[in-house]
Protein backbone atom coordinates (compact mmCIF):
# COMPACT_ATOMS: atom_id res chain seq x y z
CA MET A 1 18.88 24.43 -33.91
CA LEU A 2 19.62 24.57 -30.19
CA SER A 3 16.53 26.53 -29.28
CA THR A 4 14.27 23.72 -30.45
CA ARG A 5 16.47 20.77 -29.54
CA TYR A 6 17.42 21.94 -26.05
CA PRO A 7 15.02 24.81 -25.27
CA TYR A 8 15.64 24.88 -21.52
CA MET A 9 19.42 24.89 -21.85
CA TYR A 10 19.11 27.48 -24.61
CA GLN A 11 17.18 29.72 -22.21
CA LEU A 12 19.70 29.23 -19.39
CA PHE A 13 22.72 30.02 -21.56
CA GLY A 14 21.00 32.85 -23.38
CA ALA A 15 19.69 34.64 -20.32
CA TYR A 16 21.91 33.66 -17.37
CA LEU A 17 25.21 32.14 -18.48
CA ASN A 18 26.35 34.76 -20.94
CA GLU A 19 28.62 37.81 -21.02
CA ASP A 20 26.35 39.52 -18.47
CA SER A 21 26.25 36.62 -16.02
CA ASP A 22 27.75 38.78 -13.28
CA ILE A 23 24.33 40.45 -12.99
CA TRP A 24 23.08 37.20 -11.47
CA GLY A 25 26.15 36.27 -9.42
CA ASP A 26 29.86 35.59 -9.36
CA THR A 27 29.73 31.80 -9.14
CA LEU A 28 27.76 29.09 -10.86
CA PRO A 29 25.82 28.28 -7.65
CA GLU A 30 24.83 31.95 -7.26
CA ILE A 31 23.69 32.23 -10.87
CA ILE A 32 21.74 28.98 -10.73
CA ALA A 33 20.09 30.12 -7.49
CA CYS A 34 18.79 33.19 -9.36
CA TYR A 35 17.63 31.02 -12.23
CA LYS A 36 15.78 28.74 -9.80
CA ARG A 37 14.02 31.73 -8.21
CA ASP A 38 12.98 33.10 -11.60
CA CYS A 39 11.96 29.97 -13.48
CA PRO A 40 9.37 27.28 -12.81
CA ARG A 41 10.44 23.88 -11.54
CA GLU A 42 9.40 22.39 -14.88
CA ASN A 43 12.16 24.37 -16.60
CA GLN A 44 14.73 23.24 -14.04
CA LEU A 45 13.79 19.60 -14.53
CA GLY A 46 13.88 20.20 -18.29
CA ILE A 47 17.52 21.29 -18.07
CA ILE A 48 18.38 18.16 -16.10
CA ASP A 49 16.73 16.01 -18.79
CA GLU A 50 18.41 17.94 -21.59
CA ALA A 51 21.83 17.71 -19.92
CA ASN A 52 21.39 13.95 -19.56
CA SER A 53 20.37 13.70 -23.21
CA PHE A 54 23.35 15.79 -24.32
CA ILE A 55 25.73 13.58 -22.31
CA ASN A 56 24.16 10.39 -23.66
CA GLU A 57 24.24 11.65 -27.25
CA HIS A 58 27.94 12.50 -27.04
CA PRO A 59 29.68 9.75 -25.05
CA ASN A 60 32.91 10.07 -27.03
CA ASP A 61 32.91 13.73 -28.06
CA LEU A 62 31.29 15.63 -25.19
CA ASP A 63 33.86 18.46 -25.12
CA SER A 64 33.83 19.09 -28.86
CA ALA A 65 30.02 18.82 -29.11
CA PHE A 66 29.55 21.27 -26.25
CA LYS A 67 32.08 23.67 -27.74
CA LYS A 68 30.33 23.46 -31.11
CA ASP A 69 26.90 24.13 -29.63
CA TYR A 70 27.73 26.59 -26.84
CA GLY A 71 31.38 27.58 -27.26
CA ARG A 72 30.74 30.98 -28.79
CA ASN A 73 28.93 32.14 -25.67
CA PHE A 74 30.07 29.92 -22.81
CA SER A 75 33.11 27.88 -21.77
CA PRO A 76 33.06 25.61 -18.70
CA LYS A 77 36.85 25.97 -18.47
CA LEU A 78 36.50 29.67 -17.67
CA TRP A 79 34.46 28.64 -14.63
CA GLY A 80 36.92 25.93 -13.53
CA TYR A 81 35.00 22.96 -14.94
CA THR A 82 35.38 20.37 -17.64
CA THR A 83 32.34 19.92 -19.82
CA ALA A 84 31.37 16.75 -17.96
CA SER A 85 31.90 18.24 -14.50
CA PHE A 86 29.98 21.38 -15.48
CA LEU A 87 26.96 19.43 -16.68
CA GLU A 88 27.03 17.24 -13.56
CA GLU A 89 27.28 20.31 -11.31
CA LEU A 90 24.46 21.98 -13.20
CA LYS A 91 22.26 18.92 -12.70
CA ARG A 92 23.19 18.75 -9.01
CA LEU A 93 22.40 22.42 -8.41
CA LEU A 94 19.07 22.14 -10.19
CA SER A 95 18.03 18.95 -8.43
CA THR A 96 18.23 20.41 -4.93
């Protein structure tokens, strides 16, 4: 279950990167800026750790694993990213 395995990413996708994401902004940086204002630094660092874990757990099937876990609600391609570039951008935005 994603909510227990990746609770911080689950929160981000459930609350910010969903069909209502335009409430928070029009671009990934705008949405993540809202998330950073609303959530404690611990949560932000948790997403970075979870993204690293997800990448490390799926070195050969990152796209299909991401689609399986998040594809019903979110697609990096719709935002102009590959799965790998999206996760790297997410980590970059949260680390600054």
